[in-house]
Amino acid sequence: MINWQPLLLTFQLAIITTFLLLLISIPLAYWLAYSDNKLKSIISTLVSMPLVLPPTVLGFYLLLAFSPSSFIGHWLDEILGIRFVFSFEGLILGSMLYSLPFMVHPILSGFTNVPTSLIEASYILGKSKTTTLFKVLLPNIRASIFTGMVLTFAHTIGEFGVVLMIGGNIPNKTKVASIAIYDEVESLNYAAAHTYSFILFAISFVILMLVYWINKRYFGR
């Protein structure tokens, strides 16, 4: 009999991370797509860094930055009562940073593929940038937004290094499914490790198949 809490915690983390990243990534991707700011290349590089950066490196620096002994961590703990180290909030922060490109890149691709003529037509009709974003751009990149959400959700489910470094291995608090698998393997309890692994494999497979099916059926992609 396996403990279902790590799986429930994993899906809770994935849902919250996906929702928060969606709110952040739409304006960020919009800015990256249409801004001429000189910092654009630097921001683009930082957004993409998690794709090539070992997750333990990111987790290590998050651990240093937000530990109670650091200035930032001490200030957050004392003034705001927020502690990111060895907490579920820390898992969310680490997951958001590590999954950021998986949400931003599909949305950014969607923005850049919208025909310029549609945007210009909206401006000619006297529509503001905000109205153009919500009435023209977002409806035309629904498939990209959906893909970003699904990829972010699936990627968060499989995270290990980042969540282990900043969240630790605290039962019912920061012990997600990937860490539970590691623990079971270390304990030579391969049956439980197989159960956790198969559930994550099956869910990831279904999610990706659903993306392909929905994109083909409803978005013609």
C-alpha atoms as a PDB file:
ATOM      1  CA  MET A   1       0.000   0.000   0.000  1.00  0.00           C
ATOM      2  CA  ILE A   2       1.572   3.274  -1.059  1.00  0.00           C
ATOM      3  CA  ASN A   3       1.254   6.690   0.516  1.00  0.00           C
ATOM      4  CA  TRP A   4      -0.848   8.864  -1.791  1.00  0.00           C
ATOM      5  CA  GLN A   5       0.172  12.129  -0.136  1.00  0.00           C
ATOM      6  CA  PRO A   6       3.285  12.682  -2.332  1.00  0.00           C
ATOM      7  CA  LEU A   7       1.147  12.312  -5.461  1.00  0.00           C
ATOM      8  CA  LEU A   8      -1.530  14.683  -4.165  1.00  0.00           C
ATOM      9  CA  LEU A   9       1.165  17.190  -3.194  1.00  0.00           C
ATOM     10  CA  THR A  10       2.720  16.874  -6.653  1.00  0.00           C
ATOM     11  CA  PHE A  11      -0.528  17.647  -8.455  1.00  0.00           C
ATOM     12  CA  GLN A  12      -1.289  20.514  -6.082  1.00  0.00           C
ATOM     13  CA  LEU A  13       2.148  21.953  -6.837  1.00  0.00           C
ATOM     14  CA  ALA A  14       1.689  21.494 -10.588  1.00  0.00           C
ATOM     15  CA  ILE A  15      -1.730  23.190 -10.629  1.00  0.00           C
ATOM     16  CA  ILE A  16      -0.603  26.197  -8.598  1.00  0.00           C
ATOM     17  CA  THR A  17       2.629  26.565 -10.586  1.00  0.00           C
ATOM     18  CA  THR A  18       0.788  26.406 -13.907  1.00  0.00           C
ATOM     19  CA  PHE A  19      -1.789  28.992 -12.851  1.00  0.00           C
ATOM     20  CA  LEU A  20       0.766  31.469 -11.497  1.00  0.00           C
ATOM     21  CA  LEU A  21       3.093  31.057 -14.471  1.00  0.00           C
ATOM     22  CA  LEU A  22       0.205  31.675 -16.864  1.00  0.00           C
ATOM     23  CA  LEU A  23      -0.471  35.034 -15.202  1.00  0.00           C
ATOM     24  CA  ILE A  24       3.199  35.970 -15.405  1.00  0.00           C
ATOM     25  CA  SER A  25       4.072  34.530 -18.804  1.00  0.00           C
ATOM     26  CA  ILE A  26       1.410  36.221 -20.948  1.00  0.00           C
ATOM     27  CA  PRO A  27       2.612  39.791 -20.231  1.00  0.00           C
ATOM     28  CA  LEU A  28       6.253  38.646 -20.246  1.00  0.00           C
ATOM     29  CA  ALA A  29       5.914  36.881 -23.605  1.00  0.00           C
ATOM     30  CA  TYR A  30       4.011  39.872 -25.010  1.00  0.00           C
ATOM     31  CA  TRP A  31       6.846  42.176 -23.939  1.00  0.00           C
ATOM     32  CA  LEU A  32       9.488  39.863 -25.420  1.00  0.00           C
ATOM     33  CA  ALA A  33       7.557  39.615 -28.691  1.00  0.00           C
ATOM     34  CA  TYR A  34       6.911  43.300 -29.322  1.00  0.00           C
ATOM     35  CA  SER A  35       9.363  45.307 -27.216  1.00  0.00           C
ATOM     36  CA  ASP A  36      12.497  46.980 -28.591  1.00  0.00           C
ATOM     37  CA  ASN A  37      14.031  47.411 -25.155  1.00  0.00           C
ATOM     38  CA  LYS A  38      17.810  46.879 -24.980  1.00  0.00           C
ATOM     39  CA  LEU A  39      17.354  44.490 -22.059  1.00  0.00           C
ATOM     40  CA  LYS A  40      15.251  42.146 -24.176  1.00  0.00           C
ATOM     41  CA  SER A  41      18.133  39.815 -25.081  1.00  0.00           C
ATOM     42  CA  ILE A  42      19.228  39.582 -21.439  1.00  0.00           C
ATOM     43  CA  ILE A  43      15.699  38.804 -20.222  1.00  0.00           C
ATOM     44  CA  SER A  44      15.262  36.222 -22.990  1.00  0.00           C
ATOM     45  CA  THR A  45      18.491  34.532 -21.924  1.00  0.00           C
ATOM     46  CA  LEU A  46      17.471  34.466 -18.258  1.00  0.00           C
ATOM     47  CA  VAL A  47      14.073  32.999 -19.154  1.00  0.00           C
ATOM     48  CA  SER A  48      15.758  30.223 -21.155  1.00  0.00           C
ATOM     49  CA  MET A  49      18.475  29.431 -18.606  1.00  0.00           C
ATOM     50  CA  PRO A  50      16.501  26.658 -16.839  1.00  0.00           C
ATOM     51  CA  LEU A  51      16.570  24.686 -20.097  1.00  0.00           C
ATOM     52  CA  VAL A  52      20.343  24.225 -19.873  1.00  0.00           C
ATOM     53  CA  LEU A  53      21.034  24.847 -16.182  1.00  0.00           C
ATOM     54  CA  PRO A  54      21.252  21.762 -13.937  1.00  0.00           C
ATOM     55  CA  PRO A  55      18.241  21.887 -11.595  1.00  0.00           C
ATOM     56  CA  THR A  56      20.472  21.362  -8.565  1.00  0.00           C
ATOM     57  CA  VAL A  57      22.373  24.554  -9.419  1.00  0.00           C
ATOM     58  CA  LEU A  58      19.167  26.577  -9.478  1.00  0.00           C
ATOM     59  CA  GLY A  59      17.982  24.895  -6.291  1.00  0.00           C
ATOM     60  CA  PHE A  60      21.304  25.547  -4.564  1.00  0.00           C
ATOM     61  CA  TYR A  61      21.250  29.273  -5.292  1.00  0.00           C
ATOM     62  CA  LEU A  62      17.619  29.520  -4.233  1.00  0.00           C
ATOM     63  CA  LEU A  63      18.596  27.784  -1.002  1.00  0.00           C
ATOM     64  CA  LEU A  64      21.372  30.314  -0.415  1.00  0.00           C
ATOM     65  CA  ALA A  65      19.255  33.324  -1.371  1.00  0.00           C
ATOM     66  CA  PHE A  66      16.258  32.486   0.802  1.00  0.00           C
ATOM     67  CA  SER A  67      17.829  30.757   3.800  1.00  0.00           C
ATOM     68  CA  PRO A  68      17.049  32.461   7.143  1.00  0.00           C
ATOM     69  CA  SER A  69      20.736  33.385   7.456  1.00  0.00           C
ATOM     70  CA  SER A  70      20.698  35.460   4.243  1.00  0.00           C
ATOM     71  CA  PHE A  71      19.554  39.064   4.131  1.00  0.00           C
ATOM     72  CA  ILE A  72      16.617  38.349   1.803  1.00  0.00           C
ATOM     73  CA  GLY A  73      15.518  35.234   3.670  1.00  0.00           C
ATOM     74  CA  HIS A  74      15.800  36.936   7.062  1.00  0.00           C
ATOM     75  CA  TRP A  75      13.834  39.980   5.846  1.00  0.00           C
ATOM     76  CA  LEU A  76      11.059  37.853   4.351  1.00  0.00           C
ATOM     77  CA  ASP A  77      10.807  35.750   7.506  1.00  0.00           C
ATOM     78  CA  GLU A  78      10.906  38.612  10.003  1.00  0.00           C
ATOM     79  CA  ILE A  79       8.894  41.264   8.132  1.00  0.00           C
ATOM     80  CA  LEU A  80       6.444  39.278   6.000  1.00  0.00           C
ATOM     81  CA  GLY A  81       6.436  35.966   7.795  1.00  0.00           C
ATOM     82  CA  ILE A  82       7.304  34.087   4.595  1.00  0.00           C
ATOM     83  CA  ARG A  83       9.853  31.279   4.542  1.00  0.00           C
ATOM     84  CA  PHE A  84      10.759  29.706   1.195  1.00  0.00           C
ATOM     85  CA  VAL A  85      13.326  27.208   2.472  1.00  0.00           C
ATOM     86  CA  PHE A  86      11.920  23.746   3.331  1.00  0.00           C
ATOM     87  CA  SER A  87       8.338  24.846   2.737  1.00  0.00           C
ATOM     88  CA  PHE A  88       5.624  24.299   0.155  1.00  0.00           C
ATOM     89  CA  GLU A  89       5.927  27.971  -0.815  1.00  0.00           C
ATOM     90  CA  GLY A  90       9.559  27.276  -1.654  1.00  0.00           C
ATOM     91  CA  LEU A  91       8.499  24.401  -3.894  1.00  0.00           C
ATOM     92  CA  ILE A  92       6.195  26.777  -5.767  1.00  0.00           C
ATOM     93  CA  LEU A  93       8.944  29.374  -6.199  1.00  0.00           C
ATOM     94  CA  GLY A  94      11.474  26.819  -7.408  1.00  0.00           C
ATOM     95  CA  SER A  95       8.973  25.183  -9.759  1.00  0.00           C
ATOM     96  CA  MET A  96       7.958  28.521 -11.238  1.00  0.00           C
ATOM     97  CA  LEU A  97      11.546  29.473 -12.024  1.00  0.00           C
ATOM     98  CA  TYR A  98      12.445  26.048 -13.392  1.00  0.00           C
ATOM     99  CA  SER A  99       9.290  25.699 -15.518  1.00  0.00           C
ATOM    100  CA  LEU A 100       9.222  29.315 -16.731  1.00  0.00           C
ATOM    101  CA  PRO A 101      10.537  28.631 -20.276  1.00  0.00           C
ATOM    102  CA  PHE A 102       8.010  25.852 -20.784  1.00  0.00           C
ATOM    103  CA  MET A 103       5.227  28.407 -20.422  1.00  0.00           C
ATOM    104  CA  VAL A 104       6.865  31.472 -21.955  1.00  0.00           C
ATOM    105  CA  HIS A 105       8.297  29.922 -25.118  1.00  0.00           C
ATOM    106  CA  PRO A 106       5.035  28.503 -26.557  1.00  0.00           C
ATOM    107  CA  ILE A 107       3.179  31.747 -25.808  1.00  0.00           C
ATOM    108  CA  LEU A 108       6.016  33.818 -27.261  1.00  0.00           C
ATOM    109  CA  SER A 109       5.952  31.665 -30.397  1.00  0.00           C
ATOM    110  CA  GLY A 110       2.214  32.239 -30.644  1.00  0.00           C
ATOM    111  CA  PHE A 111       2.593  36.021 -30.407  1.00  0.00           C
ATOM    112  CA  THR A 112       5.335  36.153 -33.050  1.00  0.00           C
ATOM    113  CA  ASN A 113       3.260  34.032 -35.460  1.00  0.00           C
ATOM    114  CA  VAL A 114       0.200  36.295 -35.354  1.00  0.00           C
ATOM    115  CA  PRO A 115       0.020  38.147 -38.705  1.00  0.00           C
ATOM    116  CA  THR A 116       1.114  41.759 -38.396  1.00  0.00           C
ATOM    117  CA  SER A 117      -1.834  42.772 -40.555  1.00  0.00           C
ATOM    118  CA  LEU A 118      -4.277  41.764 -37.795  1.00  0.00           C
ATOM    119  CA  ILE A 119      -2.515  43.951 -35.263  1.00  0.00           C
ATOM    120  CA  GLU A 120      -2.271  46.892 -37.635  1.00  0.00           C
ATOM    121  CA  ALA A 121      -5.944  46.576 -38.536  1.00  0.00           C
ATOM    122  CA  SER A 122      -6.855  46.742 -34.865  1.00  0.00           C
ATOM    123  CA  TYR A 123      -4.785  49.896 -34.394  1.00  0.00           C
ATOM    124  CA  ILE A 124      -6.279  51.476 -37.522  1.00  0.00           C
ATOM    125  CA  LEU A 125      -9.732  50.889 -36.046  1.00  0.00           C
ATOM    126  CA  GLY A 126      -8.640  52.878 -33.028  1.00  0.00           C
ATOM    127  CA  LYS A 127      -8.241  49.980 -30.617  1.00  0.00           C
ATOM    128  CA  SER A 128      -5.734  50.325 -27.782  1.00  0.00           C
ATOM    129  CA  LYS A 129      -2.877  47.920 -27.155  1.00  0.00           C
ATOM    130  CA  THR A 130      -4.782  46.389 -24.253  1.00  0.00           C
ATOM    131  CA  THR A 131      -7.905  45.845 -26.334  1.00  0.00           C
ATOM    132  CA  THR A 132      -5.806  44.430 -29.163  1.00  0.00           C
ATOM    133  CA  LEU A 133      -4.158  42.024 -26.747  1.00  0.00           C
ATOM    134  CA  PHE A 134      -7.425  40.671 -25.345  1.00  0.00           C
ATOM    135  CA  LYS A 135      -9.593  40.855 -28.472  1.00  0.00           C
ATOM    136  CA  VAL A 136      -7.104  40.015 -31.217  1.00  0.00           C
ATOM    137  CA  LEU A 137      -3.898  38.442 -29.965  1.00  0.00           C
ATOM    138  CA  LEU A 138      -5.010  36.120 -27.178  1.00  0.00           C
ATOM    139  CA  PRO A 139      -7.884  34.531 -29.169  1.00  0.00           C
ATOM    140  CA  ASN A 140      -5.399  33.790 -31.952  1.00  0.00           C
ATOM    141  CA  ILE A 141      -2.854  32.088 -29.708  1.00  0.00           C
ATOM    142  CA  ARG A 142      -5.201  29.855 -27.724  1.00  0.00           C
ATOM    143  CA  ALA A 143      -3.364  26.748 -28.921  1.00  0.00           C
ATOM    144  CA  SER A 144      -0.022  28.170 -27.794  1.00  0.00           C
ATOM    145  CA  ILE A 145      -1.408  29.078 -24.369  1.00  0.00           C
ATOM    146  CA  PHE A 146      -2.924  25.630 -23.983  1.00  0.00           C
ATOM    147  CA  THR A 147       0.358  23.969 -25.000  1.00  0.00           C
ATOM    148  CA  GLY A 148       2.301  26.101 -22.534  1.00  0.00           C
ATOM    149  CA  MET A 149      -0.067  25.212 -19.711  1.00  0.00           C
ATOM    150  CA  VAL A 150       0.112  21.492 -20.387  1.00  0.00           C
ATOM    151  CA  LEU A 151       3.899  21.436 -20.810  1.00  0.00           C
ATOM    152  CA  THR A 152       4.319  23.407 -17.586  1.00  0.00           C
ATOM    153  CA  PHE A 153       2.009  21.066 -15.700  1.00  0.00           C
ATOM    154  CA  ALA A 154       3.766  17.960 -17.014  1.00  0.00           C
ATOM    155  CA  HIS A 155       7.232  19.392 -16.392  1.00  0.00           C
ATOM    156  CA  THR A 156       6.380  20.346 -12.815  1.00  0.00           C
ATOM    157  CA  ILE A 157       5.175  16.817 -12.100  1.00  0.00           C
ATOM    158  CA  GLY A 158       8.612  15.439 -12.971  1.00  0.00           C
ATOM    159  CA  GLU A 159      10.802  17.931 -11.101  1.00  0.00           C
ATOM    160  CA  PHE A 160      13.349  16.527  -8.687  1.00  0.00           C
ATOM    161  CA  GLY A 161      16.569  18.503  -8.189  1.00  0.00           C
ATOM    162  CA  VAL A 162      15.065  21.934  -7.605  1.00  0.00           C
ATOM    163  CA  VAL A 163      12.331  20.786  -5.228  1.00  0.00           C
ATOM    164  CA  LEU A 164      14.734  18.576  -3.280  1.00  0.00           C
ATOM    165  CA  MET A 165      17.266  21.385  -2.791  1.00  0.00           C
ATOM    166  CA  ILE A 166      14.890  24.104  -1.665  1.00  0.00           C
ATOM    167  CA  GLY A 167      12.082  21.996  -0.193  1.00  0.00           C
ATOM    168  CA  GLY A 168      13.928  19.066   1.284  1.00  0.00           C
ATOM    169  CA  ASN A 169      12.166  15.804   2.030  1.00  0.00           C
ATOM    170  CA  ILE A 170       9.512  16.600   4.610  1.00  0.00           C
ATOM    171  CA  PRO A 171       6.535  14.169   4.624  1.00  0.00           C
ATOM    172  CA  ASN A 172       3.138  15.763   3.948  1.00  0.00           C
ATOM    173  CA  LYS A 173       4.821  19.118   3.339  1.00  0.00           C
ATOM    174  CA  THR A 174       7.538  19.028   0.656  1.00  0.00           C
ATOM    175  CA  LYS A 175       7.880  15.340  -0.223  1.00  0.00           C
ATOM    176  CA  VAL A 176       6.579  15.154  -3.789  1.00  0.00           C
ATOM    177  CA  ALA A 177       6.283  12.027  -5.926  1.00  0.00           C
ATOM    178  CA  SER A 178       9.717  12.274  -7.555  1.00  0.00           C
ATOM    179  CA  ILE A 179      11.371  12.417  -4.139  1.00  0.00           C
ATOM    180  CA  ALA A 180       9.178   9.544  -2.914  1.00  0.00           C
ATOM    181  CA  ILE A 181      10.456   7.433  -5.822  1.00  0.00           C
ATOM    182  CA  TYR A 182      14.045   8.224  -4.866  1.00  0.00           C
ATOM    183  CA  ASP A 183      13.380   7.279  -1.238  1.00  0.00           C
ATOM    184  CA  GLU A 184      11.768   3.980  -2.189  1.00  0.00           C
ATOM    185  CA  VAL A 185      14.666   3.058  -4.463  1.00  0.00           C
ATOM    186  CA  GLU A 186      17.154   3.860  -1.715  1.00  0.00           C
ATOM    187  CA  SER A 187      15.140   1.627   0.610  1.00  0.00           C
ATOM    188  CA  LEU A 188      15.150  -1.115  -2.056  1.00  0.00           C
ATOM    189  CA  ASN A 189      11.365  -0.969  -2.077  1.00  0.00           C
ATOM    190  CA  TYR A 190      11.103  -1.336  -5.829  1.00  0.00           C
ATOM    191  CA  ALA A 191       7.410  -2.242  -5.806  1.00  0.00           C
ATOM    192  CA  ALA A 192       6.415   1.130  -4.336  1.00  0.00           C
ATOM    193  CA  ALA A 193       8.903   2.937  -6.578  1.00  0.00           C
ATOM    194  CA  HIS A 194       7.385   1.200  -9.584  1.00  0.00           C
ATOM    195  CA  THR A 195       3.868   2.211  -8.537  1.00  0.00           C
ATOM    196  CA  TYR A 196       4.819   5.878  -8.163  1.00  0.00           C
ATOM    197  CA  SER A 197       6.792   5.811 -11.417  1.00  0.00           C
ATOM    198  CA  PHE A 198       4.054   4.107 -13.412  1.00  0.00           C
ATOM    199  CA  ILE A 199       1.421   6.573 -12.199  1.00  0.00           C
ATOM    200  CA  LEU A 200       3.576   9.555 -13.210  1.00  0.00           C
ATOM    201  CA  PHE A 201       4.450   7.888 -16.535  1.00  0.00           C
ATOM    202  CA  ALA A 202       0.814   7.148 -17.322  1.00  0.00           C
ATOM    203  CA  ILE A 203      -0.370  10.640 -16.412  1.00  0.00           C
ATOM    204  CA  SER A 204       2.402  12.311 -18.433  1.00  0.00           C
ATOM    205  CA  PHE A 205       1.592  10.098 -21.431  1.00  0.00           C
ATOM    206  CA  VAL A 206      -2.122  10.888 -21.235  1.00  0.00           C
ATOM    207  CA  ILE A 207      -1.444  14.610 -20.875  1.00  0.00           C
ATOM    208  CA  LEU A 208       0.791  14.753 -23.955  1.00  0.00           C
ATOM    209  CA  MET A 209      -1.607  12.638 -26.005  1.00  0.00           C
ATOM    210  CA  LEU A 210      -4.405  14.987 -24.963  1.00  0.00           C
ATOM    211  CA  VAL A 211      -2.370  17.976 -26.158  1.00  0.00           C
ATOM    212  CA  TYR A 212      -1.833  16.440 -29.595  1.00  0.00           C
ATOM    213  CA  TRP A 213      -5.482  15.434 -29.895  1.00  0.00           C
ATOM    214  CA  ILE A 214      -6.910  18.797 -28.817  1.00  0.00           C
ATOM    215  CA  ASN A 215      -4.467  20.762 -30.979  1.00  0.00           C
ATOM    216  CA  LYS A 216      -5.385  18.660 -34.008  1.00  0.00           C
ATOM    217  CA  ARG A 217      -9.129  18.593 -33.381  1.00  0.00           C
ATOM    218  CA  TYR A 218      -9.805  22.140 -32.220  1.00  0.00           C
ATOM    219  CA  PHE A 219      -6.849  24.186 -33.392  1.00  0.00           C
ATOM    220  CA  GLY A 220      -5.956  22.431 -36.629  1.00  0.00           C
ATOM    221  CA  ARG A 221      -2.342  21.899 -35.620  1.00  0.00           C
END
